[in-house]
Amino acid sequence: MFDAQSPIYMTEPQGPVKDQPWFANCVVRFKVGSDIWAPEGLLSTLQAVEAKMGRDRDSETPGGPRRIDLDLLLFGEVAMEGEYLTLPHPRMLERAFVLVPLRDIAPGLALAGGKTVEQALAALDHSLDGRKISQK
């Protein structure tokens, strides 16, 4: 089931809450059969893992510190838009902290609109210093 994991990158906080510790980010790839998992079921399982690790979405400040945040970025070639889940992840192409580690495990991956990960990264104002990612 587990197929690949990027290194862990430290990322400066994005969004409205800048005064907080940097985030640790990585991307992992799982091989799951569509006969076993539906995208919504996988997301539900990821959110259950977050809850078991102490994440309380109701009490956290949006964009603020959190114990863990697991996102479902892609599910094969599935494209969908719903209240509970949108795939591919709607902000994935805007986030260097997603694209840099994604490039590590899937450098030739074609993204929305036929862009490569490298092309999507080139469109972002970001910097990479070892395993530290900054983005404006």
Protein backbone atom coordinates (compact mmCIF):
# COMPACT_ATOMS: atom_id res chain seq x y z
CA MET A 1 0.00 0.00 0.00
CA PHE A 2 2.74 2.53 0.95
CA ASP A 3 4.78 3.29 -2.16
CA ALA A 4 6.97 6.40 -1.70
CA GLN A 5 7.69 9.27 0.72
CA SER A 6 9.47 12.56 0.12
CA PRO A 7 11.94 13.98 2.60
CA ILE A 8 10.46 16.23 5.28
CA TYR A 9 10.67 19.94 4.49
CA MET A 10 10.28 22.81 6.92
CA THR A 11 7.97 25.51 5.61
CA GLU A 12 7.40 29.01 6.91
CA PRO A 13 3.78 29.69 7.84
CA GLN A 14 1.52 30.82 5.02
CA GLY A 15 -1.65 32.86 5.26
CA PRO A 16 -2.92 35.09 8.02
CA VAL A 17 -1.10 33.58 11.04
CA LYS A 18 2.63 34.21 10.51
CA ASP A 19 3.70 34.17 14.16
CA GLN A 20 3.88 30.43 14.73
CA PRO A 21 6.42 27.64 14.33
CA TRP A 22 7.35 26.48 10.85
CA PHE A 23 5.45 23.47 9.50
CA ALA A 24 6.95 20.07 8.68
CA ASN A 25 5.68 18.88 5.28
CA CYS A 26 6.12 15.82 3.14
CA VAL A 27 4.21 13.97 0.46
CA VAL A 28 3.53 10.24 0.52
CA ARG A 29 2.15 8.04 -2.19
CA PHE A 30 -0.06 5.05 -1.52
CA LYS A 31 -1.12 2.45 -4.03
CA VAL A 32 -4.75 1.67 -3.33
CA GLY A 33 -7.23 -0.21 -5.43
CA SER A 34 -10.32 1.69 -6.49
CA ASP A 35 -12.23 -1.51 -5.74
CA ILE A 36 -11.18 -1.12 -2.08
CA TRP A 37 -11.16 2.66 -1.56
CA ALA A 38 -13.29 5.50 -2.82
CA PRO A 39 -11.68 8.96 -2.56
CA GLU A 40 -14.21 10.10 0.07
CA GLY A 41 -13.52 7.02 2.17
CA LEU A 42 -9.78 7.60 2.05
CA LEU A 43 -10.23 11.25 3.09
CA SER A 44 -12.50 10.15 5.94
CA THR A 45 -9.81 7.72 7.11
CA LEU A 46 -7.15 10.46 6.95
CA GLN A 47 -9.35 12.72 9.06
CA ALA A 48 -9.89 9.91 11.57
CA VAL A 49 -6.09 9.58 11.88
CA GLU A 50 -5.86 13.34 12.50
CA ALA A 51 -8.49 13.08 15.25
CA LYS A 52 -6.70 10.13 16.90
CA MET A 53 -3.53 12.25 16.92
CA GLY A 54 -5.36 15.04 18.76
CA ARG A 55 -6.45 17.40 16.01
CA ASP A 56 -9.60 19.32 16.89
CA ARG A 57 -10.69 21.25 13.80
CA ASP A 58 -13.45 23.03 15.75
CA SER A 59 -11.05 24.71 18.18
CA GLU A 60 -8.18 25.68 15.88
CA THR A 61 -7.62 29.05 14.24
CA PRO A 62 -7.79 28.79 10.44
CA GLY A 63 -4.20 28.92 9.15
CA GLY A 64 -2.91 28.61 12.70
CA PRO A 65 -0.90 25.91 14.44
CA ARG A 66 -2.20 22.35 14.32
CA ARG A 67 -0.86 19.04 15.45
CA ILE A 68 -1.29 17.37 12.07
CA ASP A 69 -2.89 18.12 8.71
CA LEU A 70 -3.35 15.30 6.21
CA ASP A 71 -4.57 16.31 2.75
CA LEU A 72 -5.65 14.13 -0.15
CA LEU A 73 -3.98 15.74 -3.15
CA LEU A 74 -4.70 13.26 -5.93
CA PHE A 75 -6.52 9.98 -6.38
CA GLY A 76 -5.19 8.57 -9.64
CA GLU A 77 -6.89 10.34 -12.53
CA VAL A 78 -10.04 11.16 -10.56
CA ALA A 79 -11.34 14.70 -11.00
CA MET A 80 -14.28 15.71 -8.84
CA GLU A 81 -15.72 18.73 -7.09
CA GLY A 82 -17.93 18.41 -4.06
CA GLU A 83 -18.70 19.88 -0.66
CA TYR A 84 -16.61 17.26 1.13
CA LEU A 85 -13.80 16.69 -1.37
CA THR A 86 -12.37 18.27 -4.50
CA LEU A 87 -9.73 16.46 -6.55
CA PRO A 88 -7.12 17.29 -7.52
CA HIS A 89 -6.65 19.40 -4.38
CA PRO A 90 -7.84 22.89 -5.39
CA ARG A 91 -4.83 24.81 -3.98
CA MET A 92 -2.12 22.28 -4.79
CA LEU A 93 -0.65 24.30 -7.68
CA GLU A 94 -0.36 27.39 -5.44
CA ARG A 95 1.74 25.74 -2.74
CA ALA A 96 5.47 25.20 -2.98
CA PHE A 97 5.29 23.15 0.23
CA VAL A 98 3.22 20.62 -1.74
CA LEU A 99 4.96 20.81 -5.10
CA VAL A 100 8.58 20.56 -3.88
CA PRO A 101 8.07 17.26 -2.05
CA LEU A 102 5.74 16.02 -4.80
CA ARG A 103 8.57 16.58 -7.29
CA ASP A 104 10.76 14.28 -5.16
CA ILE A 105 8.46 11.28 -5.53
CA ALA A 106 6.79 11.99 -8.89
CA PRO A 107 8.98 14.31 -10.99
CA GLY A 108 7.28 13.43 -14.29
CA LEU A 109 3.73 13.71 -13.00
CA ALA A 110 1.37 15.63 -15.29
CA LEU A 111 -0.82 17.99 -13.30
CA ALA A 112 -4.00 19.89 -14.13
CA GLY A 113 -3.81 21.57 -17.51
CA GLY A 114 -0.92 19.35 -18.55
CA LYS A 115 1.63 21.24 -16.44
CA THR A 116 4.53 19.34 -14.94
CA VAL A 117 5.40 19.77 -11.28
CA GLU A 118 8.49 21.74 -12.37
CA GLN A 119 6.39 24.12 -14.50
CA ALA A 120 3.95 24.68 -11.64
CA LEU A 121 6.85 25.43 -9.27
CA ALA A 122 8.40 27.87 -11.75
CA ALA A 123 5.19 29.92 -11.60
CA LEU A 124 5.49 30.39 -7.81
CA ASP A 125 7.55 33.00 -5.96
CA HIS A 126 9.35 30.60 -3.65
CA SER A 127 12.82 29.65 -2.50
CA LEU A 128 14.36 26.38 -1.42
CA ASP A 129 17.33 26.32 0.96
CA GLY A 130 18.21 22.71 1.65
CA ARG A 131 15.04 21.38 3.24
CA LYS A 132 13.54 24.82 4.00
CA ILE A 133 10.81 26.19 1.74
CA SER A 134 9.77 29.85 1.75
CA GLN A 135 6.99 31.28 -0.37
CA LYS A 136 5.68 34.82 -0.79
